[in-house]
Amino acid sequence: MSLELDEKLLARILAIGAAFTTIFIVSGSVTDPVNVPKMLSLGVVSCAAIALVLSSQLIARLKDVRWLLMCLILFVFFMIVSVARSNSPLSQNVFGAYGRNNGLLTYFFLSFILISASTLRSNFEFLTQALLVAGLINVAYCLWVVSFGDFIGWSNPYGNILGTLGNPNFIGSFLGIFFAAYLAMSIDRKSNRTFRLSALFILPVTAFEIIESHAIQGRVVAALGVGIIGFLYIRGKFGRVVLSLYSSLVLVVGSISLLGALQIGPLTQYIYKTSVSLRGQYWLAGWNTGESNLISGVGMDSFGDWYRRSRDAHALVLPGQNTVVNAAHNVPLDIFAFGGLPLFCIYLLILSFALIAAVRVIVRSKNFDSTFAILLTAWAGYQVQSVISINQIGLAIWGWLLSGALIAFEIASRNESRNLNESTRVKIKSQKSVVIQPKMILAGSLGGLIGLILALPPLAADTKWRSAQVARTVPAIEASMASSYFNPQNVVKYLMNIQALEESNLSDLSHKYAVDAVKWNPESFDLWRALYFLKNSTPDERQLAFLNMKRLDPLNPDVASSQ
């Protein structure tokens, strides 16, 4: 009985934590209202979950996923190797670049999420319900924004809906995942009539918001999800002939759509965007970075330090010599750049465990199961968007959580039916005297506290920096630049503070921090450029800065441009 209760508690922590991470934002007191809060939430949830697994009978289930566990251990090991060998700052490697936070800790937390989810054997409905709740909150928020304007006072240079993910592409993808998940639940006969009727309103509104996001990837993810759900539903209700016809139709439409994304065929005007060509350049730079650093990569979340020196000559024309990125807009290629070939291969192997598990379930069961359909379509939706986008924490948590859930679902379906799991849950509910053991609550709380301490520094530092921007005083700015565990530095903070001091005619201070900055990260083109243009920089410093800019941006004929 204790095992089932431990599992239920774990499922609730993962479900509520994933939903909260997706919707959690902080406005006003930080410069980054999206990423640092989500990293904090991820840290607390992941450490609480793994602590619960390690302190309960659930730990025995790790033997069922020992190969997955070994891969995750190797994944963490090669991340540490990448960090140790990186020329970029340790704090950037550990906490991630500003506005991304895809460093060592984030992937460490995501690994905890995946392995914890793999120990589940029932209660998968908690996960699917949490996904729907997070989706409904975003649908309601986006509808309000479209109808009345945004009540969150953050900067929105896109002019499109942002949701709680802070970017039209991210919210478009998440709404695409939600659209497919809601559709799967609404066509399940087990769903109540009210829920099924609600789909007549929710699905059209979600589709409208996906279009309003102007994110092609949202439409792609939604279409993929509908295609997978249609396959699972038709497979369970009709014969092979109908299924073959449906599969052929999906294949033809999918192929025409893919060609449209490549500027070929009748759908080009509806699917192709200039950003597709831009992503091609980002992908090439990511590949070049990994290829040049095959053994250990360039460091976690340090691709931004390498983009200029890894980009192709065509990138100087489109997107342009002054347009740079700190992510390859492709998660596997980012990981290739971060950790080289070992980390890249292990990441693909981890994904293969989930894919193989999904295929096994499909082969084993012919009936349509909305829970499995949601797990599969949401997982597939995340993977598709991950090859054309950035690893945003609010989305990434679902990708890693559902990878573990698919593996767990397949194990649970091997020897016993899900009806048995349902009856077990009913039995647990009927035992009024059964309560969750205090040691489990203590273990989860202690784990969450450790996660809080590990993940808090970026948020604490950003809060201090925002306070300095509001105060606009030299002591406040200098306090934000005092590096410590709870005040890690980043390139953007250095650049903005140096600029603020220089514009305030505090040239001695701006020069001091510019010198400190290039010592902190000698791989940053922008920091060397800041030193080059300061009034108080000496001729020798300018010469050194120029040589480093040429080293970091070898194809650019005019690195000293004021643009």
Protein backbone atom coordinates (compact mmCIF):
# COMPACT_ATOMS: atom_id res chain seq x y z
CA MET A 1 0.00 0.00 0.00
CA SER A 2 2.87 2.37 0.80
CA LEU A 3 4.30 1.90 -2.70
CA GLU A 4 1.06 2.96 -4.38
CA LEU A 5 0.78 6.02 -2.13
CA ASP A 6 4.40 6.99 -2.80
CA GLU A 7 3.69 6.72 -6.51
CA LYS A 8 0.58 8.84 -6.27
CA LEU A 9 2.50 11.52 -4.38
CA LEU A 10 5.29 11.42 -6.98
CA ALA A 11 2.80 11.69 -9.85
CA ARG A 12 1.19 14.72 -8.23
CA ILE A 13 4.52 16.43 -7.62
CA LEU A 14 5.55 15.90 -11.25
CA ALA A 15 2.17 16.93 -12.65
CA ILE A 16 1.63 20.03 -10.53
CA GLY A 17 5.28 20.97 -10.84
CA ALA A 18 5.30 20.72 -14.64
CA ALA A 19 2.12 22.78 -14.96
CA PHE A 20 3.41 25.39 -12.50
CA THR A 21 6.77 25.63 -14.28
CA THR A 22 4.97 26.32 -17.57
CA ILE A 23 2.79 29.12 -16.19
CA PHE A 24 5.15 30.63 -13.59
CA ILE A 25 6.41 34.10 -14.45
CA VAL A 26 7.60 37.06 -12.35
CA SER A 27 6.93 40.58 -13.55
CA GLY A 28 8.40 43.88 -12.42
CA SER A 29 11.11 42.80 -9.99
CA VAL A 30 13.36 41.09 -12.58
CA THR A 31 14.72 41.86 -16.04
CA ASP A 32 13.90 38.33 -17.27
CA PRO A 33 10.34 37.50 -16.18
CA VAL A 34 10.25 34.10 -17.88
CA ASN A 35 13.41 32.02 -17.80
CA VAL A 36 14.87 32.52 -14.32
CA PRO A 37 11.52 31.88 -12.55
CA LYS A 38 10.99 28.72 -14.59
CA MET A 39 14.49 27.49 -13.81
CA LEU A 40 13.78 28.00 -10.10
CA SER A 41 10.52 26.06 -10.33
CA LEU A 42 12.21 23.28 -12.31
CA GLY A 43 14.93 22.97 -9.69
CA VAL A 44 12.49 22.67 -6.79
CA VAL A 45 10.20 20.18 -8.54
CA SER A 46 12.94 17.95 -9.96
CA CYS A 47 14.89 17.67 -6.71
CA ALA A 48 11.72 17.03 -4.70
CA ALA A 49 10.75 14.27 -7.14
CA ILE A 50 14.13 12.50 -7.14
CA ALA A 51 14.33 12.75 -3.35
CA LEU A 52 10.96 11.04 -3.08
CA VAL A 53 12.08 8.25 -5.43
CA LEU A 54 15.36 7.65 -3.60
CA SER A 55 13.75 7.60 -0.15
CA SER A 56 10.83 5.30 -0.98
CA GLN A 57 10.14 1.85 -2.37
CA LEU A 58 10.04 3.44 -5.81
CA ILE A 59 13.83 3.18 -5.89
CA ALA A 60 13.47 -0.56 -6.58
CA ARG A 61 11.87 0.28 -9.94
CA LEU A 62 15.07 1.88 -11.17
CA LYS A 63 16.30 -1.60 -12.03
CA ASP A 64 13.59 -1.72 -14.73
CA VAL A 65 15.18 1.32 -16.38
CA ARG A 66 18.81 0.62 -15.55
CA TRP A 67 19.98 1.28 -19.13
CA LEU A 68 18.16 4.58 -19.19
CA LEU A 69 19.66 5.44 -15.80
CA MET A 70 23.12 4.59 -17.09
CA CYS A 71 22.61 6.87 -20.10
CA LEU A 72 21.51 9.73 -17.87
CA ILE A 73 24.54 9.24 -15.63
CA LEU A 74 26.77 9.36 -18.71
CA PHE A 75 24.87 12.42 -19.94
CA VAL A 76 25.61 14.25 -16.68
CA PHE A 77 29.23 13.02 -16.72
CA PHE A 78 29.91 14.38 -20.20
CA MET A 79 28.21 17.66 -19.31
CA ILE A 80 30.66 17.99 -16.41
CA VAL A 81 33.54 17.19 -18.79
CA SER A 82 32.26 19.88 -21.15
CA VAL A 83 32.11 22.42 -18.33
CA ALA A 84 35.58 21.50 -17.08
CA ARG A 85 37.14 21.92 -20.53
CA SER A 86 35.21 25.04 -21.55
CA ASN A 87 36.93 28.40 -21.99
CA SER A 88 33.68 30.19 -21.20
CA PRO A 89 32.92 31.27 -17.60
CA LEU A 90 31.99 28.64 -15.04
CA SER A 91 28.89 30.56 -13.94
CA GLN A 92 27.65 30.69 -17.55
CA ASN A 93 28.24 26.96 -17.93
CA VAL A 94 26.44 26.12 -14.70
CA PHE A 95 23.50 28.55 -14.76
CA GLY A 96 23.27 29.19 -18.49
CA ALA A 97 23.35 32.28 -20.67
CA TYR A 98 21.08 35.22 -19.92
CA GLY A 99 17.62 34.75 -21.42
CA ARG A 100 18.17 31.00 -21.96
CA ASN A 101 19.36 29.33 -18.73
CA ASN A 102 20.17 26.11 -20.56
CA GLY A 103 23.27 25.38 -18.51
CA LEU A 104 24.47 22.33 -16.60
CA LEU A 105 21.95 22.72 -13.79
CA THR A 106 18.92 22.91 -16.06
CA TYR A 107 19.82 19.68 -17.85
CA PHE A 108 20.70 18.11 -14.51
CA PHE A 109 17.21 18.95 -13.25
CA LEU A 110 15.60 17.68 -16.46
CA SER A 111 17.42 14.37 -16.02
CA PHE A 112 15.90 14.10 -12.53
CA ILE A 113 12.45 14.73 -14.01
CA LEU A 114 12.88 12.01 -16.64
CA ILE A 115 14.20 9.29 -14.33
CA SER A 116 11.58 10.08 -11.66
CA ALA A 117 8.75 9.81 -14.20
CA SER A 118 10.11 6.46 -15.41
CA THR A 119 9.31 4.92 -12.00
CA LEU A 120 5.56 5.50 -12.39
CA ARG A 121 3.33 2.52 -13.15
CA SER A 122 -0.07 4.23 -12.94
CA ASN A 123 -1.53 7.69 -12.24
CA PHE A 124 -0.52 8.88 -15.71
CA GLU A 125 -3.81 10.75 -15.80
CA PHE A 126 -2.33 13.26 -13.35
CA LEU A 127 0.23 14.21 -15.99
CA THR A 128 -2.26 14.57 -18.82
CA GLN A 129 -4.66 16.58 -16.66
CA ALA A 130 -1.84 18.92 -15.61
CA LEU A 131 -0.95 19.49 -19.27
CA LEU A 132 -4.56 20.38 -20.02
CA VAL A 133 -4.76 22.74 -17.04
CA ALA A 134 -1.57 24.57 -18.08
CA GLY A 135 -2.95 24.78 -21.60
CA LEU A 136 -6.33 26.12 -20.50
CA ILE A 137 -4.66 28.83 -18.41
CA ASN A 138 -2.64 29.92 -21.43
CA VAL A 139 -5.67 29.81 -23.72
CA ALA A 140 -7.60 32.03 -21.29
CA TYR A 141 -4.66 34.42 -20.88
CA CYS A 142 -4.05 34.71 -24.62
CA LEU A 143 -7.75 35.25 -25.29
CA TRP A 144 -7.75 38.09 -22.77
CA VAL A 145 -4.69 39.64 -24.44
CA VAL A 146 -6.29 39.44 -27.88
CA SER A 147 -9.56 40.90 -26.57
CA PHE A 148 -8.46 43.51 -24.03
CA GLY A 149 -4.68 43.81 -24.10
CA ASP A 150 -1.95 42.41 -21.89
CA PHE A 151 -2.26 43.04 -18.15
CA ILE A 152 1.37 42.02 -17.57
CA GLY A 153 3.65 45.00 -17.97
CA TRP A 154 6.50 43.37 -19.82
CA SER A 155 8.27 44.37 -23.02
CA ASN A 156 6.75 42.73 -26.09
CA PRO A 157 8.80 43.56 -29.19
CA TYR A 158 6.96 40.88 -31.19
CA GLY A 159 3.49 42.41 -30.99
CA ASN A 160 2.02 38.89 -30.88
CA ILE A 161 0.62 36.82 -28.03
CA LEU A 162 3.31 35.53 -25.68
CA GLY A 163 1.41 33.40 -23.17
CA THR A 164 3.38 32.46 -20.07
CA LEU A 165 6.34 31.39 -22.22
CA GLY A 166 7.41 34.87 -23.29
CA ASN A 167 7.74 34.26 -27.03
CA PRO A 168 5.23 33.74 -29.89
CA ASN A 169 7.07 30.65 -31.16
CA PHE A 170 7.08 29.01 -27.74
CA ILE A 171 3.43 29.71 -26.98
CA GLY A 172 2.47 28.67 -30.52
CA SER A 173 4.17 25.31 -30.01
CA PHE A 174 2.64 24.79 -26.58
CA LEU A 175 -0.84 25.64 -27.85
CA GLY A 176 -0.27 23.17 -30.69
CA ILE A 177 0.55 20.48 -28.14
CA PHE A 178 -2.48 21.46 -26.05
CA PHE A 179 -4.78 21.44 -29.10
CA ALA A 180 -3.89 17.84 -29.89
CA ALA A 181 -4.14 16.78 -26.23
CA TYR A 182 -7.59 18.34 -25.80
CA LEU A 183 -8.77 16.72 -29.02
CA ALA A 184 -7.58 13.31 -27.81
CA MET A 185 -9.46 13.66 -24.54
CA SER A 186 -12.63 14.96 -26.19
CA ILE A 187 -13.00 11.97 -28.55
CA ASP A 188 -12.54 9.46 -25.73
CA ARG A 189 -15.87 7.91 -24.81
CA LYS A 190 -14.80 7.85 -21.18
CA SER A 191 -14.79 11.65 -21.06
CA ASN A 192 -17.93 13.22 -19.64
CA ARG A 193 -20.41 15.00 -21.86
CA THR A 194 -19.59 18.46 -20.50
CA PHE A 195 -15.93 18.07 -21.36
CA ARG A 196 -16.71 16.83 -24.86
CA LEU A 197 -19.03 19.76 -25.47
CA SER A 198 -16.43 22.20 -24.20
CA ALA A 199 -14.16 21.10 -27.05
CA LEU A 200 -16.55 22.80 -29.47
CA PHE A 201 -15.44 26.12 -27.96
CA ILE A 202 -11.91 25.41 -26.70
CA LEU A 203 -10.51 23.86 -29.89
CA PRO A 204 -11.55 26.69 -32.27
CA VAL A 205 -10.28 29.31 -29.82
CA THR A 206 -6.96 27.48 -29.49
CA ALA A 207 -6.65 27.21 -33.27
CA PHE A 208 -7.33 30.95 -33.56
CA GLU A 209 -4.63 31.72 -30.99
CA ILE A 210 -2.13 29.49 -32.78
CA ILE A 211 -2.75 31.54 -35.92
CA GLU A 212 -2.52 34.79 -33.90
CA SER A 213 0.91 33.75 -32.60
CA HIS A 214 2.11 33.87 -36.24
CA ALA A 215 4.34 30.90 -35.37
CA ILE A 216 4.52 28.30 -38.12
CA GLN A 217 5.81 25.75 -35.65
CA GLY A 218 2.55 25.99 -33.69
CA ARG A 219 0.59 24.96 -36.78
CA VAL A 220 3.08 22.18 -37.53
CA VAL A 221 2.87 20.78 -33.99
CA ALA A 222 -0.94 20.92 -33.99
CA ALA A 223 -1.15 19.21 -37.39
CA LEU A 224 1.28 16.51 -36.28
CA GLY A 225 -0.73 15.89 -33.13
CA VAL A 226 -3.99 15.62 -35.04
CA GLY A 227 -2.33 13.21 -37.46
CA ILE A 228 -1.10 10.94 -34.66
CA ILE A 229 -4.42 11.00 -32.83
CA GLY A 230 -6.25 10.22 -36.05
CA PHE A 231 -3.95 7.24 -36.62
CA LEU A 232 -4.48 5.86 -33.10
CA TYR A 233 -8.24 6.39 -33.22
CA ILE A 234 -8.78 4.93 -36.69
CA ARG A 235 -6.52 2.01 -35.86
CA GLY A 236 -8.71 1.15 -32.88
CA LYS A 237 -12.06 1.62 -34.66
CA PHE A 238 -11.60 0.56 -38.28
CA GLY A 239 -9.81 -2.00 -40.40
CA ARG A 240 -6.50 -1.94 -42.20
CA VAL A 241 -7.95 -0.56 -45.42
CA VAL A 242 -9.21 2.64 -43.80
CA LEU A 243 -6.02 2.98 -41.80
CA SER A 244 -3.90 2.58 -44.95
CA LEU A 245 -5.91 5.22 -46.78
CA TYR A 246 -5.61 7.61 -43.84
CA SER A 247 -1.87 7.01 -43.49
CA SER A 248 -1.34 7.62 -47.21
CA LEU A 249 -3.31 10.86 -47.06
CA VAL A 250 -1.30 12.07 -44.05
CA LEU A 251 1.94 11.14 -45.79
CA VAL A 252 1.01 13.08 -48.95
CA VAL A 253 -0.17 16.17 -47.04
CA GLY A 254 2.88 16.03 -44.78
CA SER A 255 5.24 15.79 -47.75
CA ILE A 256 3.60 18.74 -49.54
CA SER A 257 3.77 20.76 -46.31
CA LEU A 258 7.45 19.97 -45.87
CA LEU A 259 8.14 21.03 -49.44
CA GLY A 260 6.23 24.25 -48.77
CA ALA A 261 8.55 24.97 -45.83
CA LEU A 262 11.43 24.60 -48.30
CA GLN A 263 9.82 27.04 -50.77
CA ILE A 264 8.60 24.29 -53.08
CA GLY A 265 5.02 23.68 -54.10
CA PRO A 266 1.57 25.25 -53.59
CA LEU A 267 1.78 25.63 -49.80
CA THR A 268 4.88 27.82 -49.88
CA GLN A 269 2.96 31.06 -49.31
CA TYR A 270 1.22 29.58 -46.25
CA ILE A 271 4.12 27.75 -44.61
CA TYR A 272 7.42 29.29 -45.67
CA LYS A 273 8.86 32.15 -43.62
CA THR A 274 12.18 33.91 -43.95
CA SER A 275 13.01 32.59 -40.49
CA VAL A 276 13.32 29.12 -42.06
CA SER A 277 16.31 30.32 -44.08
CA LEU A 278 17.72 32.06 -41.01
CA ARG A 279 17.43 28.87 -38.99
CA GLY A 280 19.40 27.07 -41.68
CA GLN A 281 22.33 29.39 -40.96
CA TYR A 282 21.95 28.94 -37.21
CA TRP A 283 21.86 25.15 -37.62
CA LEU A 284 24.98 25.23 -39.78
CA ALA A 285 26.81 27.30 -37.17
CA GLY A 286 25.71 24.86 -34.47
CA TRP A 287 26.97 21.92 -36.51
CA ASN A 288 30.27 23.67 -37.25
CA THR A 289 30.73 24.43 -33.55
CA GLY A 290 30.22 20.82 -32.54
CA GLU A 291 32.33 19.50 -35.40
CA SER A 292 35.21 21.78 -34.37
CA ASN A 293 34.96 20.58 -30.76
CA LEU A 294 34.00 16.92 -31.17
CA ILE A 295 35.24 15.54 -27.87
CA SER A 296 33.81 17.90 -25.26
CA GLY A 297 32.06 20.76 -27.07
CA VAL A 298 32.43 24.40 -26.08
CA GLY A 299 30.63 24.31 -22.75
CA MET A 300 27.04 24.28 -21.60
CA ASP A 301 24.97 27.13 -23.04
CA SER A 302 28.14 28.66 -24.54
CA PHE A 303 27.23 28.45 -28.22
CA GLY A 304 26.73 32.23 -28.21
CA ASP A 305 30.47 32.68 -27.69
CA TRP A 306 31.11 30.63 -30.84
CA TYR A 307 28.39 31.67 -33.27
CA ARG A 308 30.43 34.39 -34.98
CA ARG A 309 33.48 32.19 -35.56
CA SER A 310 31.38 29.17 -36.65
CA ARG A 311 28.93 30.85 -39.02
CA ASP A 312 29.09 30.43 -42.77
CA ALA A 313 30.11 33.30 -45.07
CA HIS A 314 26.51 33.45 -46.37
CA ALA A 315 25.36 34.37 -42.84
CA LEU A 316 27.07 37.74 -43.27
CA VAL A 317 24.45 38.51 -45.92
CA LEU A 318 21.42 36.79 -44.39
CA PRO A 319 20.71 37.32 -41.53
CA GLY A 320 23.59 39.83 -41.63
CA GLN A 321 26.97 40.37 -40.03
CA ASN A 322 25.54 42.11 -36.95
CA THR A 323 22.77 39.58 -36.33
CA VAL A 324 23.93 36.99 -33.81
CA VAL A 325 22.28 34.28 -31.72
CA ASN A 326 23.18 32.35 -28.58
CA ALA A 327 21.24 29.22 -29.53
CA ALA A 328 21.27 27.11 -32.69
CA HIS A 329 17.44 27.02 -32.73
CA ASN A 330 17.73 23.24 -32.73
CA VAL A 331 18.03 21.44 -29.39
CA PRO A 332 20.02 18.41 -30.62
CA LEU A 333 22.48 20.73 -32.40
CA ASP A 334 22.73 22.92 -29.31
CA ILE A 335 23.65 19.83 -27.30
CA PHE A 336 26.16 18.85 -30.00
CA ALA A 337 27.75 22.29 -29.70
CA PHE A 338 27.63 22.23 -25.89
CA GLY A 339 29.13 18.80 -25.31
CA GLY A 340 30.43 17.44 -28.59
CA LEU A 341 29.73 14.04 -30.09
CA PRO A 342 29.47 12.04 -26.81
CA LEU A 343 26.75 14.25 -25.35
CA PHE A 344 24.92 14.43 -28.70
CA CYS A 345 24.85 10.64 -29.13
CA ILE A 346 23.72 10.02 -25.56
CA TYR A 347 20.91 12.56 -25.94
CA LEU A 348 19.66 10.80 -29.07
CA LEU A 349 19.91 7.46 -27.28
CA ILE A 350 17.77 8.80 -24.41
CA LEU A 351 15.14 9.91 -26.92
CA SER A 352 15.26 6.48 -28.56
CA PHE A 353 14.20 4.82 -25.29
CA ALA A 354 10.98 6.85 -25.31
CA LEU A 355 10.39 6.26 -29.03
CA ILE A 356 10.88 2.49 -28.71
CA ALA A 357 8.55 2.43 -25.71
CA ALA A 358 5.85 4.26 -27.69
CA VAL A 359 6.16 1.87 -30.64
CA ARG A 360 5.89 -1.14 -28.32
CA VAL A 361 2.69 0.19 -26.78
CA ILE A 362 1.19 0.84 -30.22
CA VAL A 363 2.05 -2.69 -31.37
CA ARG A 364 0.79 -4.25 -28.15
CA SER A 365 -2.57 -2.50 -27.90
CA LYS A 366 -5.14 -1.89 -30.63
CA ASN A 367 -7.60 0.11 -28.54
CA PHE A 368 -7.66 3.90 -28.43
CA ASP A 369 -6.44 5.12 -25.04
CA SER A 370 -6.66 8.89 -24.61
CA THR A 371 -4.05 8.93 -21.86
CA PHE A 372 -1.46 7.22 -24.05
CA ALA A 373 -2.53 9.32 -27.04
CA ILE A 374 -1.88 12.52 -25.08
CA LEU A 375 1.46 11.29 -23.75
CA LEU A 376 2.58 10.33 -27.26
CA THR A 377 1.30 13.38 -29.18
CA ALA A 378 2.61 15.85 -26.60
CA TRP A 379 6.00 14.12 -26.57
CA ALA A 380 6.14 14.05 -30.38
CA GLY A 381 5.03 17.68 -30.55
CA TYR A 382 7.83 18.75 -28.23
CA GLN A 383 10.42 16.78 -30.21
CA VAL A 384 9.32 18.33 -33.52
CA GLN A 385 9.42 21.88 -32.19
CA SER A 386 12.78 21.16 -30.55
CA VAL A 387 14.44 20.70 -33.94
CA ILE A 388 13.38 24.17 -35.08
CA SER A 389 13.42 26.08 -31.81
CA ILE A 390 15.19 26.82 -28.53
CA ASN A 391 15.03 24.70 -25.40
CA GLN A 392 12.66 26.88 -23.40
CA ILE A 393 12.32 25.49 -19.86
CA GLY A 394 8.51 25.76 -19.77
CA LEU A 395 8.37 23.46 -22.81
CA ALA A 396 11.44 21.35 -22.06
CA ILE A 397 10.04 20.08 -18.78
CA TRP A 398 7.21 18.41 -20.71
CA GLY A 399 9.58 16.85 -23.23
CA TRP A 400 11.68 15.21 -20.54
CA LEU A 401 8.73 14.37 -18.28
CA LEU A 402 6.82 12.69 -21.09
CA SER A 403 9.90 10.76 -22.20
CA GLY A 404 9.98 9.17 -18.76
CA ALA A 405 6.21 8.73 -18.74
CA LEU A 406 6.18 6.89 -22.08
CA ILE A 407 8.88 4.53 -20.86
CA ALA A 408 6.96 3.96 -17.63
CA PHE A 409 3.67 3.46 -19.49
CA GLU A 410 5.23 0.78 -21.65
CA ILE A 411 6.61 -1.07 -18.62
CA ALA A 412 3.24 -0.85 -16.86
CA SER A 413 1.46 -2.31 -19.89
CA ARG A 414 3.69 -5.37 -20.18
CA ASN A 415 2.23 -7.68 -17.56
CA GLU A 416 -0.96 -6.12 -16.29
CA SER A 417 -3.83 -4.19 -17.78
CA ARG A 418 -4.47 -0.57 -16.96
CA ASN A 419 -7.82 -1.67 -15.56
CA LEU A 420 -5.89 -3.33 -12.75
CA ASN A 421 -4.16 -0.05 -12.08
CA GLU A 422 -7.55 1.68 -11.96
CA SER A 423 -8.88 -0.84 -9.45
CA THR A 424 -5.78 -0.36 -7.34
CA ARG A 425 -6.40 3.38 -7.23
CA VAL A 426 -10.03 2.82 -6.22
CA LYS A 427 -8.88 0.53 -3.44
CA ILE A 428 -6.45 3.16 -2.17
CA LYS A 429 -9.13 5.80 -2.10
CA SER A 430 -11.43 3.55 -0.11
CA GLN A 431 -8.88 3.09 2.69
CA LYS A 432 -9.73 6.00 4.97
CA SER A 433 -7.01 5.12 7.46
CA VAL A 434 -4.21 5.29 4.89
CA VAL A 435 -2.13 8.47 4.96
CA ILE A 436 1.06 9.55 3.30
CA GLN A 437 4.03 8.79 5.54
CA PRO A 438 5.65 11.86 7.12
CA LYS A 439 9.10 10.70 5.99
CA MET A 440 7.97 11.03 2.36
CA ILE A 441 6.80 14.57 2.93
CA LEU A 442 10.07 15.31 4.71
CA ALA A 443 12.15 13.78 1.89
CA GLY A 444 10.28 15.71 -0.77
CA SER A 445 10.55 18.95 1.18
CA LEU A 446 14.26 18.50 1.78
CA GLY A 447 14.83 17.72 -1.89
CA GLY A 448 12.82 20.77 -2.90
CA LEU A 449 14.89 22.93 -0.55
CA ILE A 450 18.12 21.65 -2.12
CA GLY A 451 16.69 22.41 -5.56
CA LEU A 452 15.75 25.89 -4.39
CA ILE A 453 19.28 26.61 -3.20
CA LEU A 454 20.80 25.28 -6.44
CA ALA A 455 18.44 27.12 -8.79
CA LEU A 456 17.99 30.40 -6.89
CA PRO A 457 21.20 32.29 -7.90
CA PRO A 458 20.05 33.46 -11.38
CA LEU A 459 16.78 34.81 -9.97
CA ALA A 460 18.50 36.43 -6.98
CA ALA A 461 21.10 38.06 -9.24
CA ASP A 462 18.47 39.28 -11.68
CA THR A 463 16.42 40.78 -8.85
CA LYS A 464 19.48 42.65 -7.59
CA TRP A 465 20.27 43.88 -11.10
CA ARG A 466 16.71 45.08 -11.62
CA SER A 467 16.85 46.96 -8.33
CA ALA A 468 20.06 48.64 -9.51
CA GLN A 469 18.38 49.70 -12.75
CA VAL A 470 15.51 51.25 -10.80
CA ALA A 471 17.78 52.95 -8.25
CA ARG A 472 20.16 54.28 -10.96
CA THR A 473 22.93 54.84 -8.40
CA VAL A 474 26.57 53.85 -8.60
CA PRO A 475 26.54 51.85 -5.33
CA ALA A 476 23.55 49.83 -6.55
CA ILE A 477 25.20 49.11 -9.92
CA GLU A 478 28.45 48.11 -8.24
CA ALA A 479 26.56 45.85 -5.83
CA SER A 480 24.97 44.08 -8.80
CA MET A 481 28.46 43.53 -10.23
CA ALA A 482 29.89 41.97 -7.05
CA SER A 483 30.20 38.35 -8.15
CA SER A 484 29.19 35.62 -5.68
CA TYR A 485 27.29 32.33 -5.68
CA PHE A 486 23.95 34.11 -5.35
CA ASN A 487 24.99 36.84 -7.77
CA PRO A 488 26.44 35.14 -10.88
CA GLN A 489 27.37 37.46 -13.74
CA ASN A 490 26.31 37.34 -17.38
CA VAL A 491 27.38 39.05 -20.59
CA VAL A 492 24.22 41.15 -20.93
CA LYS A 493 24.51 42.53 -17.40
CA TYR A 494 28.14 43.51 -17.98
CA LEU A 495 27.31 45.21 -21.28
CA MET A 496 24.34 47.19 -20.00
CA ASN A 497 26.07 48.31 -16.82
CA ILE A 498 29.22 49.33 -18.70
CA GLN A 499 27.09 51.32 -21.13
CA ALA A 500 25.12 52.97 -18.33
CA LEU A 501 28.31 54.03 -16.54
CA GLU A 502 29.91 55.33 -19.75
CA GLU A 503 26.82 57.37 -20.65
CA SER A 504 26.85 58.84 -17.15
CA ASN A 505 30.43 60.05 -17.74
CA LEU A 506 31.77 57.60 -15.16
CA SER A 507 34.47 56.50 -17.57
CA ASP A 508 36.85 55.18 -14.93
CA LEU A 509 34.22 52.81 -13.59
CA SER A 510 33.02 51.71 -17.01
CA HIS A 511 36.63 50.98 -17.99
CA LYS A 512 37.22 49.06 -14.76
CA TYR A 513 34.24 46.77 -15.37
CA ALA A 514 35.07 46.35 -19.06
CA VAL A 515 38.53 45.07 -18.12
CA ASP A 516 36.96 42.77 -15.52
CA ALA A 517 34.45 41.58 -18.11
CA VAL A 518 36.98 40.41 -20.71
CA LYS A 519 38.92 38.63 -17.96
CA TRP A 520 35.67 36.95 -16.87
CA ASN A 521 34.81 35.84 -20.42
CA PRO A 522 37.59 36.29 -23.00
CA GLU A 523 35.43 34.36 -25.50
CA SER A 524 32.78 37.09 -25.75
CA PHE A 525 33.03 39.26 -28.86
CA ASP A 526 30.63 41.84 -27.41
CA LEU A 527 32.68 42.35 -24.26
CA TRP A 528 35.87 42.94 -26.24
CA ARG A 529 33.93 45.31 -28.49
CA ALA A 530 32.71 47.26 -25.44
CA LEU A 531 36.30 47.65 -24.24
CA TYR A 532 37.42 48.76 -27.73
CA PHE A 533 35.01 51.72 -27.84
CA LEU A 534 35.42 53.06 -24.28
CA LYS A 535 36.92 56.53 -23.86
CA ASN A 536 39.43 55.45 -21.23
CA SER A 537 40.72 52.39 -23.07
CA THR A 538 44.42 52.67 -23.84
CA PRO A 539 45.84 52.14 -27.35
CA ASP A 540 47.26 48.78 -26.22
CA GLU A 541 43.86 47.73 -24.88
CA ARG A 542 42.16 48.74 -28.12
CA GLN A 543 44.72 46.79 -30.12
CA LEU A 544 44.21 43.73 -27.92
CA ALA A 545 40.43 44.09 -28.20
CA PHE A 546 40.66 44.38 -31.99
CA LEU A 547 42.80 41.24 -32.27
CA ASN A 548 40.34 39.30 -30.13
CA MET A 549 37.37 40.54 -32.14
CA LYS A 550 39.10 39.29 -35.30
CA ARG A 551 39.77 35.96 -33.56
CA LEU A 552 36.14 35.61 -32.53
CA ASP A 553 34.62 36.88 -35.80
CA PRO A 554 37.14 35.90 -38.51
CA LEU A 555 34.80 36.29 -41.50
CA ASN A 556 33.64 39.80 -40.63
CA PRO A 557 35.64 42.36 -42.67
CA ASP A 558 34.73 45.22 -40.32
CA VAL A 559 34.72 44.03 -36.70
CA ALA A 560 35.33 47.58 -35.48
CA SER A 561 32.13 48.89 -37.01
CA SER A 562 30.11 51.10 -34.69
CA GLN A 563 26.90 49.40 -35.78
